[in-house]
Structure formats: C-alpha cells, structure tokens
C-alpha cells in the first residue's frame, strides 16, 4: 500500500485551534507520488463501478479527472455555493469549524447513473454526505467514495450509507 505520510504536511491550529490541516500539496508536487496516488485511487474506485466520478470542490477535482480517464467514465463537478449558474440542487452541512454549502446543476446528466465521490479528506463526513444528497436529488446513485486521507477517529465512515476507501489514515 502507498504511504503518503511523508508527502502530507500537517499544520496544527489551522484553520482554528484544535484542528490540524492536512495539506496534500507535497504529494501533488512529486510526479512519482502523484502518479502512484492516482493509480491507487483508480484501484479503489474501480470496484464501485462508476459511470461518473464526482469531484468535490476544489481538491477533489484534482483527482477526479485522472480517475475518470483511467476508468473510462465521465466527471461530475460538485461545487461550492456561488460558483455555478442556473437552477441548482444545494445542500448545506457543518464543517469542523464552520458551515458550507455545495451545489450541483439541475441539468447535469446524473439520473440513473452510478456515482463515485472523490475528495481529498474525509473528516466528519459532512462534505461527502452533502455531496451524496445532491446526487440523490439529481436521481443518481452513490456507489462509494474515494479519498486521499481519512481521519478515522471521527468515525465518519460509520455515518455514511455507502462504502469509503482511503489511501492514508490518521486518527485526528
């Protein structure tokens, strides 16, 4: 299994005291590690049989396209509020330190399709849960999620109604 730990910087106290920010920038800067991470995410996503990989704004976008290209499926962008025009499905959720809203355009071709969510970090599960609600509103079916990092101590995967696969785990 790929060990991303040396390529993830940790910043305690950001964005607020008691939170550690896990930054994937060093992994993105290393072409060998980036290629290995993409390949590993593809292996995790393939059994979920996606029609679309839903990249979650913004770091989920970085990995959704290579996964989709490798698995011969499309990409769906789930954006932060205010970033999309037209009629939208919206879902608000709590972060560890704030609230946020995700959006998906009504006219995306999602109905009846298997969707695999892709994000950089699974912490409380709020982001993945909100993204899954959007897919559900649009008539799609979330078959799973892939993440680079999972904070296992927060037990988010236990609250989600779909399988989650991650490359690197930390307790908190």
N, C-alpha and C. Protein backbone atom coordinates (compact mmCIF):
# COMPACT_ATOMS: atom_id res chain seq x y z
N UNK A 1 0.84 -1.19 0.00
CA UNK A 1 0.00 0.00 0.00
C UNK A 1 0.88 1.25 0.00
N UNK A 2 0.42 2.24 -0.70
CA UNK A 2 1.13 3.51 -0.82
C UNK A 2 1.14 4.25 0.52
N UNK A 3 2.31 4.72 0.95
CA UNK A 3 2.42 5.52 2.17
C UNK A 3 2.58 6.98 1.77
N UNK A 4 1.52 7.74 1.92
CA UNK A 4 1.54 9.16 1.57
C UNK A 4 2.04 10.05 2.71
N UNK A 5 2.20 9.50 3.90
CA UNK A 5 2.52 10.32 5.07
C UNK A 5 3.69 11.28 4.85
N UNK A 6 4.81 10.84 4.25
CA UNK A 6 5.91 11.80 4.05
C UNK A 6 5.58 12.94 3.09
N UNK A 7 4.47 12.80 2.35
CA UNK A 7 4.09 13.78 1.34
C UNK A 7 2.84 14.57 1.73
N UNK A 8 2.50 14.51 3.01
CA UNK A 8 1.37 15.28 3.53
C UNK A 8 1.91 16.15 4.66
N UNK A 9 1.82 17.47 4.48
CA UNK A 9 2.27 18.35 5.56
C UNK A 9 1.12 18.55 6.54
N UNK A 10 1.47 18.68 7.81
CA UNK A 10 0.48 18.84 8.86
C UNK A 10 0.69 20.18 9.56
N UNK A 11 -0.39 20.96 9.65
CA UNK A 11 -0.32 22.27 10.29
C UNK A 11 -1.32 22.31 11.43
N UNK A 12 -0.86 22.11 12.68
CA UNK A 12 -1.76 22.19 13.83
C UNK A 12 -2.28 23.61 14.02
N UNK A 13 -3.53 23.73 14.49
CA UNK A 13 -4.10 25.04 14.79
C UNK A 13 -4.60 25.80 13.58
N UNK A 14 -4.74 25.12 12.44
CA UNK A 14 -5.27 25.78 11.24
C UNK A 14 -6.42 24.96 10.70
N UNK A 15 -7.53 25.55 10.40
CA UNK A 15 -7.86 26.98 10.38
C UNK A 15 -8.24 27.55 11.74
N UNK A 16 -8.34 26.67 12.76
CA UNK A 16 -8.56 27.18 14.11
C UNK A 16 -7.94 26.21 15.10
N UNK A 17 -7.79 26.66 16.33
CA UNK A 17 -7.18 25.84 17.39
C UNK A 17 -7.94 24.51 17.54
N UNK A 18 -7.20 23.44 17.68
CA UNK A 18 -7.80 22.12 17.85
C UNK A 18 -7.96 21.35 16.56
N UNK A 19 -7.75 22.02 15.43
CA UNK A 19 -7.84 21.38 14.10
C UNK A 19 -6.43 21.27 13.53
N UNK A 20 -6.12 20.16 12.91
CA UNK A 20 -4.87 20.02 12.16
C UNK A 20 -5.22 20.00 10.68
N UNK A 21 -4.56 20.85 9.92
CA UNK A 21 -4.76 20.90 8.47
C UNK A 21 -3.80 19.93 7.82
N UNK A 22 -4.35 19.00 7.04
CA UNK A 22 -3.54 18.03 6.30
C UNK A 22 -3.45 18.51 4.86
N UNK A 23 -2.25 18.91 4.45
CA UNK A 23 -2.04 19.54 3.15
C UNK A 23 -1.41 18.54 2.19
N UNK A 24 -2.11 18.29 1.06
CA UNK A 24 -1.63 17.33 0.07
C UNK A 24 -0.69 17.97 -0.95
N UNK A 25 -0.36 19.25 -0.80
CA UNK A 25 0.50 19.94 -1.77
C UNK A 25 1.82 19.22 -2.03
N UNK A 26 2.53 18.72 -1.00
CA UNK A 26 3.77 18.00 -1.30
C UNK A 26 3.55 16.76 -2.18
N UNK A 27 2.45 16.06 -2.00
CA UNK A 27 2.15 14.90 -2.85
C UNK A 27 1.90 15.33 -4.28
N UNK A 28 1.25 16.48 -4.46
CA UNK A 28 0.97 16.98 -5.80
C UNK A 28 2.24 17.42 -6.52
N UNK A 29 3.24 17.86 -5.75
CA UNK A 29 4.48 18.37 -6.33
C UNK A 29 5.43 17.27 -6.77
N UNK A 30 5.24 16.06 -6.27
CA UNK A 30 6.13 14.95 -6.60
C UNK A 30 5.50 14.11 -7.70
N UNK A 31 6.06 14.11 -8.91
CA UNK A 31 5.41 13.41 -10.02
C UNK A 31 5.26 11.90 -9.81
N UNK A 32 6.20 11.28 -9.14
CA UNK A 32 6.12 9.84 -8.88
C UNK A 32 4.99 9.53 -7.90
N UNK A 33 4.94 10.28 -6.81
CA UNK A 33 3.90 10.07 -5.80
C UNK A 33 2.53 10.42 -6.37
N UNK A 34 2.45 11.49 -7.14
CA UNK A 34 1.18 11.87 -7.75
C UNK A 34 0.66 10.75 -8.64
N UNK A 35 1.53 10.20 -9.46
CA UNK A 35 1.13 9.10 -10.35
C UNK A 35 0.71 7.87 -9.54
N UNK A 36 1.46 7.56 -8.48
CA UNK A 36 1.12 6.41 -7.63
C UNK A 36 -0.21 6.63 -6.91
N UNK A 37 -0.44 7.85 -6.44
CA UNK A 37 -1.71 8.15 -5.75
C UNK A 37 -2.89 8.02 -6.72
N UNK A 38 -2.73 8.54 -7.92
CA UNK A 38 -3.80 8.41 -8.91
C UNK A 38 -4.08 6.94 -9.22
N UNK A 39 -3.03 6.16 -9.41
CA UNK A 39 -3.20 4.73 -9.71
C UNK A 39 -3.90 4.01 -8.55
N UNK A 40 -3.51 4.35 -7.33
CA UNK A 40 -4.12 3.71 -6.15
C UNK A 40 -5.59 4.10 -6.02
N UNK A 41 -5.92 5.36 -6.29
CA UNK A 41 -7.32 5.79 -6.24
C UNK A 41 -8.15 5.08 -7.31
N UNK A 42 -7.56 4.87 -8.48
CA UNK A 42 -8.25 4.14 -9.55
C UNK A 42 -8.56 2.71 -9.10
N UNK A 43 -7.61 2.07 -8.44
CA UNK A 43 -7.82 0.71 -7.94
C UNK A 43 -8.95 0.68 -6.92
N UNK A 44 -9.03 1.71 -6.07
CA UNK A 44 -10.08 1.77 -5.06
C UNK A 44 -11.45 2.05 -5.68
N UNK A 45 -11.48 2.88 -6.71
CA UNK A 45 -12.76 3.29 -7.31
C UNK A 45 -13.33 2.24 -8.27
N UNK A 46 -12.48 1.48 -8.93
CA UNK A 46 -12.94 0.55 -9.97
C UNK A 46 -14.03 -0.41 -9.50
N UNK A 47 -13.90 -1.07 -8.33
CA UNK A 47 -14.95 -1.99 -7.90
C UNK A 47 -16.29 -1.31 -7.61
N UNK A 48 -16.30 0.00 -7.48
CA UNK A 48 -17.54 0.75 -7.22
C UNK A 48 -18.33 0.99 -8.51
N UNK A 49 -17.78 0.57 -9.64
CA UNK A 49 -18.42 0.61 -10.96
C UNK A 49 -19.05 1.96 -11.31
N UNK A 50 -18.23 3.01 -11.34
CA UNK A 50 -18.79 4.34 -11.60
C UNK A 50 -19.12 4.59 -13.07
N UNK A 51 -20.18 5.35 -13.28
CA UNK A 51 -20.45 5.97 -14.57
C UNK A 51 -19.83 7.36 -14.60
N UNK A 52 -19.79 7.98 -13.41
CA UNK A 52 -19.21 9.31 -13.24
C UNK A 52 -18.41 9.36 -11.95
N UNK A 53 -17.31 10.10 -11.97
CA UNK A 53 -16.56 10.40 -10.75
C UNK A 53 -16.92 11.84 -10.39
N UNK A 54 -17.48 12.04 -9.21
CA UNK A 54 -17.90 13.37 -8.77
C UNK A 54 -16.78 14.00 -7.94
N UNK A 55 -16.05 14.91 -8.56
CA UNK A 55 -15.01 15.65 -7.86
C UNK A 55 -15.64 16.75 -7.03
N UNK A 56 -15.24 16.81 -5.76
CA UNK A 56 -15.81 17.80 -4.85
C UNK A 56 -14.86 18.99 -4.76
N UNK A 57 -15.41 20.17 -4.97
CA UNK A 57 -14.68 21.43 -4.99
C UNK A 57 -13.83 21.58 -3.73
N UNK A 58 -12.59 21.81 -3.82
CA UNK A 58 -11.80 22.00 -5.02
C UNK A 58 -10.77 20.87 -5.20
N UNK A 59 -10.25 20.35 -4.11
CA UNK A 59 -9.17 19.36 -4.27
C UNK A 59 -9.65 18.04 -4.84
N UNK A 60 -10.93 17.72 -4.69
CA UNK A 60 -11.46 16.51 -5.31
C UNK A 60 -11.39 16.57 -6.83
N UNK A 61 -11.41 17.80 -7.40
CA UNK A 61 -11.28 17.96 -8.84
C UNK A 61 -9.94 17.43 -9.34
N UNK A 62 -8.90 17.64 -8.53
CA UNK A 62 -7.55 17.28 -8.97
C UNK A 62 -7.42 15.79 -9.27
N UNK A 63 -8.20 14.97 -8.58
CA UNK A 63 -8.07 13.52 -8.75
C UNK A 63 -9.22 12.91 -9.55
N UNK A 64 -10.34 13.61 -9.65
CA UNK A 64 -11.49 13.03 -10.35
C UNK A 64 -11.22 12.82 -11.84
N UNK A 65 -10.55 13.74 -12.47
CA UNK A 65 -10.30 13.61 -13.91
C UNK A 65 -9.36 12.45 -14.23
N UNK A 66 -8.21 12.31 -13.55
CA UNK A 66 -7.37 11.15 -13.87
C UNK A 66 -8.06 9.81 -13.57
N UNK A 67 -8.85 9.76 -12.50
CA UNK A 67 -9.57 8.52 -12.19
C UNK A 67 -10.56 8.22 -13.30
N UNK A 68 -11.34 9.21 -13.69
CA UNK A 68 -12.34 9.02 -14.74
C UNK A 68 -11.69 8.62 -16.07
N UNK A 69 -10.60 9.26 -16.41
CA UNK A 69 -9.91 8.93 -17.65
C UNK A 69 -9.46 7.47 -17.64
N UNK A 70 -8.88 7.05 -16.53
CA UNK A 70 -8.40 5.67 -16.41
C UNK A 70 -9.54 4.66 -16.43
N UNK A 71 -10.65 4.99 -15.79
CA UNK A 71 -11.78 4.06 -15.68
C UNK A 71 -12.79 4.21 -16.83
N UNK A 72 -12.48 5.09 -17.78
CA UNK A 72 -13.33 5.30 -18.95
C UNK A 72 -14.75 5.71 -18.56
N UNK A 73 -14.82 6.71 -17.68
CA UNK A 73 -16.11 7.27 -17.30
C UNK A 73 -16.00 8.79 -17.29
N UNK A 74 -17.08 9.46 -17.00
CA UNK A 74 -17.09 10.91 -17.01
C UNK A 74 -16.83 11.51 -15.64
N UNK A 75 -16.81 12.84 -15.62
CA UNK A 75 -16.58 13.60 -14.38
C UNK A 75 -17.77 14.51 -14.13
N UNK A 76 -18.15 14.59 -12.88
CA UNK A 76 -19.21 15.48 -12.42
C UNK A 76 -18.57 16.43 -11.41
N UNK A 77 -18.83 17.72 -11.56
CA UNK A 77 -18.28 18.69 -10.61
C UNK A 77 -19.32 19.09 -9.59
N UNK A 78 -19.00 18.87 -8.33
CA UNK A 78 -19.83 19.36 -7.23
C UNK A 78 -19.11 20.57 -6.67
N UNK A 79 -19.77 21.72 -6.78
CA UNK A 79 -19.11 22.99 -6.49
C UNK A 79 -19.57 23.62 -5.18
N UNK A 80 -18.76 24.54 -4.69
CA UNK A 80 -19.15 25.35 -3.55
C UNK A 80 -20.22 26.35 -4.00
N UNK A 81 -21.02 26.78 -3.06
CA UNK A 81 -22.10 27.73 -3.36
C UNK A 81 -21.56 28.97 -4.05
N UNK A 82 -22.34 29.47 -5.01
CA UNK A 82 -21.97 30.70 -5.70
C UNK A 82 -21.06 30.50 -6.89
N UNK A 83 -20.70 29.26 -7.20
CA UNK A 83 -19.75 29.00 -8.30
C UNK A 83 -20.42 28.50 -9.57
N UNK A 84 -21.73 28.24 -9.53
CA UNK A 84 -22.43 27.67 -10.69
C UNK A 84 -23.63 28.52 -11.08
N UNK A 85 -23.88 28.66 -12.38
CA UNK A 85 -25.08 29.36 -12.85
C UNK A 85 -26.26 28.40 -12.97
N UNK A 86 -27.44 28.99 -13.14
CA UNK A 86 -28.63 28.21 -13.44
C UNK A 86 -29.30 27.61 -12.22
N UNK A 87 -30.28 26.74 -12.50
CA UNK A 87 -31.01 26.07 -11.43
C UNK A 87 -30.10 25.06 -10.75
N UNK A 88 -30.12 25.04 -9.42
CA UNK A 88 -29.18 24.23 -8.65
C UNK A 88 -29.88 23.39 -7.60
N UNK A 89 -29.32 22.22 -7.35
CA UNK A 89 -29.59 21.49 -6.12
C UNK A 89 -28.55 22.01 -5.14
N UNK A 90 -28.94 22.23 -3.87
CA UNK A 90 -27.98 22.72 -2.88
C UNK A 90 -28.13 21.93 -1.59
N UNK A 91 -27.01 21.76 -0.90
CA UNK A 91 -27.00 21.05 0.38
C UNK A 91 -26.01 21.74 1.31
N UNK A 92 -26.50 22.17 2.47
CA UNK A 92 -25.66 22.83 3.47
C UNK A 92 -25.29 21.83 4.55
N UNK A 93 -24.07 21.93 5.03
CA UNK A 93 -23.57 20.98 6.02
C UNK A 93 -22.60 21.68 6.96
N UNK A 94 -22.34 21.04 8.09
CA UNK A 94 -21.42 21.59 9.09
C UNK A 94 -20.02 21.04 8.87
N UNK A 95 -19.04 21.94 8.90
CA UNK A 95 -17.63 21.56 8.92
C UNK A 95 -17.19 21.49 10.37
N UNK A 96 -15.95 21.08 10.58
CA UNK A 96 -15.43 21.07 11.94
C UNK A 96 -15.37 22.47 12.52
N UNK A 97 -15.33 23.49 11.65
CA UNK A 97 -15.09 24.85 12.10
C UNK A 97 -16.03 25.88 11.49
N UNK A 98 -17.02 25.45 10.71
CA UNK A 98 -17.90 26.40 10.02
C UNK A 98 -19.04 25.63 9.34
N UNK A 99 -19.86 26.32 8.58
CA UNK A 99 -20.87 25.71 7.72
C UNK A 99 -20.50 25.99 6.27
N UNK A 100 -20.96 25.12 5.37
CA UNK A 100 -20.69 25.31 3.95
C UNK A 100 -21.86 24.76 3.15
N UNK A 101 -21.95 25.18 1.91
CA UNK A 101 -22.99 24.70 1.00
C UNK A 101 -22.35 24.22 -0.28
N UNK A 102 -22.81 23.06 -0.74
CA UNK A 102 -22.38 22.51 -2.03
C UNK A 102 -23.55 22.60 -3.01
N UNK A 103 -23.22 22.65 -4.30
CA UNK A 103 -24.25 22.77 -5.32
C UNK A 103 -23.95 21.87 -6.51
N UNK A 104 -25.03 21.49 -7.18
CA UNK A 104 -24.96 20.69 -8.41
C UNK A 104 -26.03 21.23 -9.35
N UNK A 105 -25.68 21.47 -10.59
CA UNK A 105 -26.63 22.00 -11.55
C UNK A 105 -27.72 20.97 -11.87
N UNK A 106 -28.95 21.45 -12.00
CA UNK A 106 -30.09 20.59 -12.34
C UNK A 106 -29.89 19.88 -13.67
N UNK A 107 -29.25 20.53 -14.61
CA UNK A 107 -29.17 19.96 -15.95
C UNK A 107 -27.98 19.02 -16.18
N UNK A 108 -27.32 18.58 -15.13
CA UNK A 108 -26.29 17.56 -15.29
C UNK A 108 -26.97 16.21 -15.54
N UNK A 109 -26.35 15.37 -16.33
CA UNK A 109 -26.91 14.06 -16.71
C UNK A 109 -26.52 13.01 -15.67
N UNK A 110 -27.24 13.00 -14.56
CA UNK A 110 -26.90 12.16 -13.41
C UNK A 110 -27.92 11.04 -13.19
N UNK A 111 -29.16 11.25 -13.57
CA UNK A 111 -30.25 10.31 -13.27
C UNK A 111 -29.91 8.89 -13.72
N UNK A 112 -30.06 7.96 -12.78
CA UNK A 112 -29.84 6.55 -13.06
C UNK A 112 -28.39 6.11 -13.13
N UNK A 113 -27.46 7.02 -12.89
CA UNK A 113 -26.04 6.69 -13.02
C UNK A 113 -25.41 6.37 -11.66
N UNK A 114 -24.38 5.52 -11.71
CA UNK A 114 -23.57 5.21 -10.53
C UNK A 114 -22.50 6.28 -10.39
N UNK A 115 -22.45 6.88 -9.22
CA UNK A 115 -21.54 7.99 -8.95
C UNK A 115 -20.58 7.61 -7.83
N UNK A 116 -19.28 7.82 -8.06
CA UNK A 116 -18.28 7.68 -7.01
C UNK A 116 -17.80 9.08 -6.66
N UNK A 117 -17.93 9.43 -5.39
CA UNK A 117 -17.48 10.73 -4.90
C UNK A 117 -15.97 10.71 -4.71
N UNK A 118 -15.33 11.84 -4.96
CA UNK A 118 -13.88 11.95 -4.81
C UNK A 118 -13.54 13.24 -4.08
N UNK A 119 -12.82 13.11 -2.96
CA UNK A 119 -12.37 14.28 -2.22
C UNK A 119 -11.00 13.99 -1.63
N UNK A 120 -10.34 15.03 -1.16
CA UNK A 120 -9.01 14.83 -0.60
C UNK A 120 -9.04 14.30 0.82
N UNK A 121 -10.06 14.69 1.61
CA UNK A 121 -10.06 14.38 3.04
C UNK A 121 -11.45 14.01 3.53
N UNK A 122 -11.53 12.92 4.27
CA UNK A 122 -12.75 12.55 4.99
C UNK A 122 -12.50 12.82 6.46
N UNK A 123 -13.23 13.78 7.02
CA UNK A 123 -13.11 14.10 8.44
C UNK A 123 -14.41 13.72 9.15
N UNK A 124 -15.36 14.65 9.23
CA UNK A 124 -16.63 14.36 9.91
C UNK A 124 -17.64 13.67 9.00
N UNK A 125 -17.40 13.72 7.70
CA UNK A 125 -18.33 13.13 6.73
C UNK A 125 -19.34 14.11 6.19
N UNK A 126 -19.33 15.34 6.67
CA UNK A 126 -20.30 16.33 6.24
C UNK A 126 -20.23 16.63 4.75
N UNK A 127 -19.04 16.77 4.21
CA UNK A 127 -18.89 17.09 2.79
C UNK A 127 -19.39 15.94 1.93
N UNK A 128 -18.96 14.72 2.24
CA UNK A 128 -19.41 13.57 1.44
C UNK A 128 -20.91 13.36 1.58
N UNK A 129 -21.44 13.55 2.76
CA UNK A 129 -22.87 13.39 2.97
C UNK A 129 -23.66 14.42 2.16
N UNK A 130 -23.22 15.67 2.16
CA UNK A 130 -23.88 16.72 1.39
C UNK A 130 -23.79 16.42 -0.10
N UNK A 131 -22.64 15.97 -0.56
CA UNK A 131 -22.47 15.63 -1.98
C UNK A 131 -23.39 14.47 -2.36
N UNK A 132 -23.51 13.48 -1.49
CA UNK A 132 -24.39 12.34 -1.75
C UNK A 132 -25.85 12.79 -1.84
N UNK A 133 -26.24 13.75 -1.00
CA UNK A 133 -27.61 14.29 -1.06
C UNK A 133 -27.87 14.94 -2.40
N UNK A 134 -26.88 15.67 -2.92
CA UNK A 134 -27.04 16.31 -4.23
C UNK A 134 -27.22 15.27 -5.33
N UNK A 135 -26.40 14.23 -5.30
CA UNK A 135 -26.51 13.16 -6.29
C UNK A 135 -27.89 12.51 -6.20
N UNK A 136 -28.34 12.28 -4.99
CA UNK A 136 -29.66 11.69 -4.79
C UNK A 136 -30.76 12.59 -5.34
N UNK A 137 -30.68 13.89 -5.06
CA UNK A 137 -31.66 14.85 -5.57
C UNK A 137 -31.72 14.83 -7.09
N UNK A 138 -30.56 14.60 -7.71
CA UNK A 138 -30.46 14.59 -9.18
C UNK A 138 -30.82 13.23 -9.78
N UNK A 139 -31.14 12.25 -8.93
CA UNK A 139 -31.56 10.94 -9.43
C UNK A 139 -30.45 9.95 -9.63
N UNK A 140 -29.25 10.27 -9.17
CA UNK A 140 -28.12 9.34 -9.28
C UNK A 140 -28.01 8.46 -8.06
N UNK A 141 -27.07 7.52 -8.11
CA UNK A 141 -26.85 6.58 -7.02
C UNK A 141 -25.37 6.59 -6.65
N UNK A 142 -25.07 6.97 -5.41
CA UNK A 142 -23.68 6.96 -4.94
C UNK A 142 -23.30 5.52 -4.60
N UNK A 143 -22.32 5.00 -5.33
CA UNK A 143 -21.86 3.63 -5.08
C UNK A 143 -20.63 3.59 -4.17
N UNK A 144 -20.07 4.75 -3.86
CA UNK A 144 -18.93 4.80 -2.95
C UNK A 144 -18.21 6.13 -3.04
N UNK A 145 -17.14 6.23 -2.26
CA UNK A 145 -16.32 7.44 -2.25
C UNK A 145 -14.86 7.04 -2.08
N UNK A 146 -13.99 7.81 -2.71
CA UNK A 146 -12.55 7.63 -2.55
C UNK A 146 -11.95 8.94 -2.06
N UNK A 147 -11.03 8.82 -1.10
CA UNK A 147 -10.36 9.98 -0.51
C UNK A 147 -8.89 9.67 -0.36
N UNK A 148 -8.07 10.69 -0.39
CA UNK A 148 -6.66 10.50 -0.12
C UNK A 148 -6.44 10.24 1.37
N UNK A 149 -7.10 11.03 2.21
CA UNK A 149 -6.87 11.00 3.65
C UNK A 149 -8.19 10.76 4.38
N UNK A 150 -8.12 9.98 5.45
CA UNK A 150 -9.28 9.78 6.32
C UNK A 150 -8.85 9.94 7.77
N UNK A 151 -9.62 10.73 8.52
CA UNK A 151 -9.39 10.88 9.95
C UNK A 151 -10.29 9.87 10.66
N UNK A 152 -9.74 8.72 10.98
CA UNK A 152 -10.53 7.59 11.47
C UNK A 152 -11.14 7.82 12.84
N UNK A 153 -10.51 8.65 13.65
CA UNK A 153 -11.01 8.91 15.00
C UNK A 153 -12.36 9.61 15.02
N UNK A 154 -12.72 10.25 13.92
CA UNK A 154 -14.00 10.94 13.84
C UNK A 154 -15.13 10.01 13.40
N UNK A 155 -14.77 8.79 13.01
CA UNK A 155 -15.73 7.72 12.69
C UNK A 155 -16.79 8.12 11.65
N UNK A 156 -16.39 8.93 10.68
CA UNK A 156 -17.33 9.41 9.66
C UNK A 156 -17.86 8.28 8.79
N UNK A 157 -17.01 7.32 8.46
CA UNK A 157 -17.47 6.27 7.54
C UNK A 157 -18.65 5.50 8.13
N UNK A 158 -18.75 5.46 9.45
CA UNK A 158 -19.87 4.78 10.10
C UNK A 158 -21.19 5.51 9.90
N UNK A 159 -21.12 6.79 9.55
CA UNK A 159 -22.34 7.59 9.37
C UNK A 159 -22.79 7.65 7.91
N UNK A 160 -21.96 7.15 7.00
CA UNK A 160 -22.26 7.24 5.58
C UNK A 160 -22.93 5.97 5.09
N UNK A 161 -23.83 6.12 4.13
CA UNK A 161 -24.63 4.99 3.62
C UNK A 161 -24.00 4.32 2.41
N UNK A 162 -22.71 4.53 2.20
CA UNK A 162 -22.00 3.97 1.05
C UNK A 162 -20.57 3.66 1.48
N UNK A 163 -19.89 2.76 0.76
CA UNK A 163 -18.51 2.44 1.13
C UNK A 163 -17.55 3.59 0.85
N UNK A 164 -16.53 3.68 1.68
CA UNK A 164 -15.49 4.70 1.54
C UNK A 164 -14.14 3.99 1.53
N UNK A 165 -13.28 4.40 0.62
CA UNK A 165 -11.93 3.87 0.55
C UNK A 165 -10.96 5.04 0.59
N UNK A 166 -9.92 4.92 1.41
CA UNK A 166 -8.93 6.00 1.53
C UNK A 166 -7.53 5.44 1.43
N UNK A 167 -6.60 6.32 1.05
CA UNK A 167 -5.21 5.91 0.89
C UNK A 167 -4.38 6.06 2.15
N UNK A 168 -4.64 7.09 2.93
CA UNK A 168 -3.84 7.38 4.11
C UNK A 168 -4.77 7.68 5.28
N UNK A 169 -4.49 7.12 6.44
CA UNK A 169 -5.34 7.39 7.59
C UNK A 169 -4.53 8.01 8.73
N UNK A 170 -5.22 8.85 9.47
CA UNK A 170 -4.72 9.43 10.71
C UNK A 170 -5.86 9.36 11.71
N UNK A 171 -5.55 9.29 13.00
CA UNK A 171 -6.63 9.25 13.97
C UNK A 171 -7.41 10.56 13.98
N UNK A 172 -6.67 11.69 14.14
CA UNK A 172 -7.30 13.03 14.12
C UNK A 172 -6.42 13.99 13.36
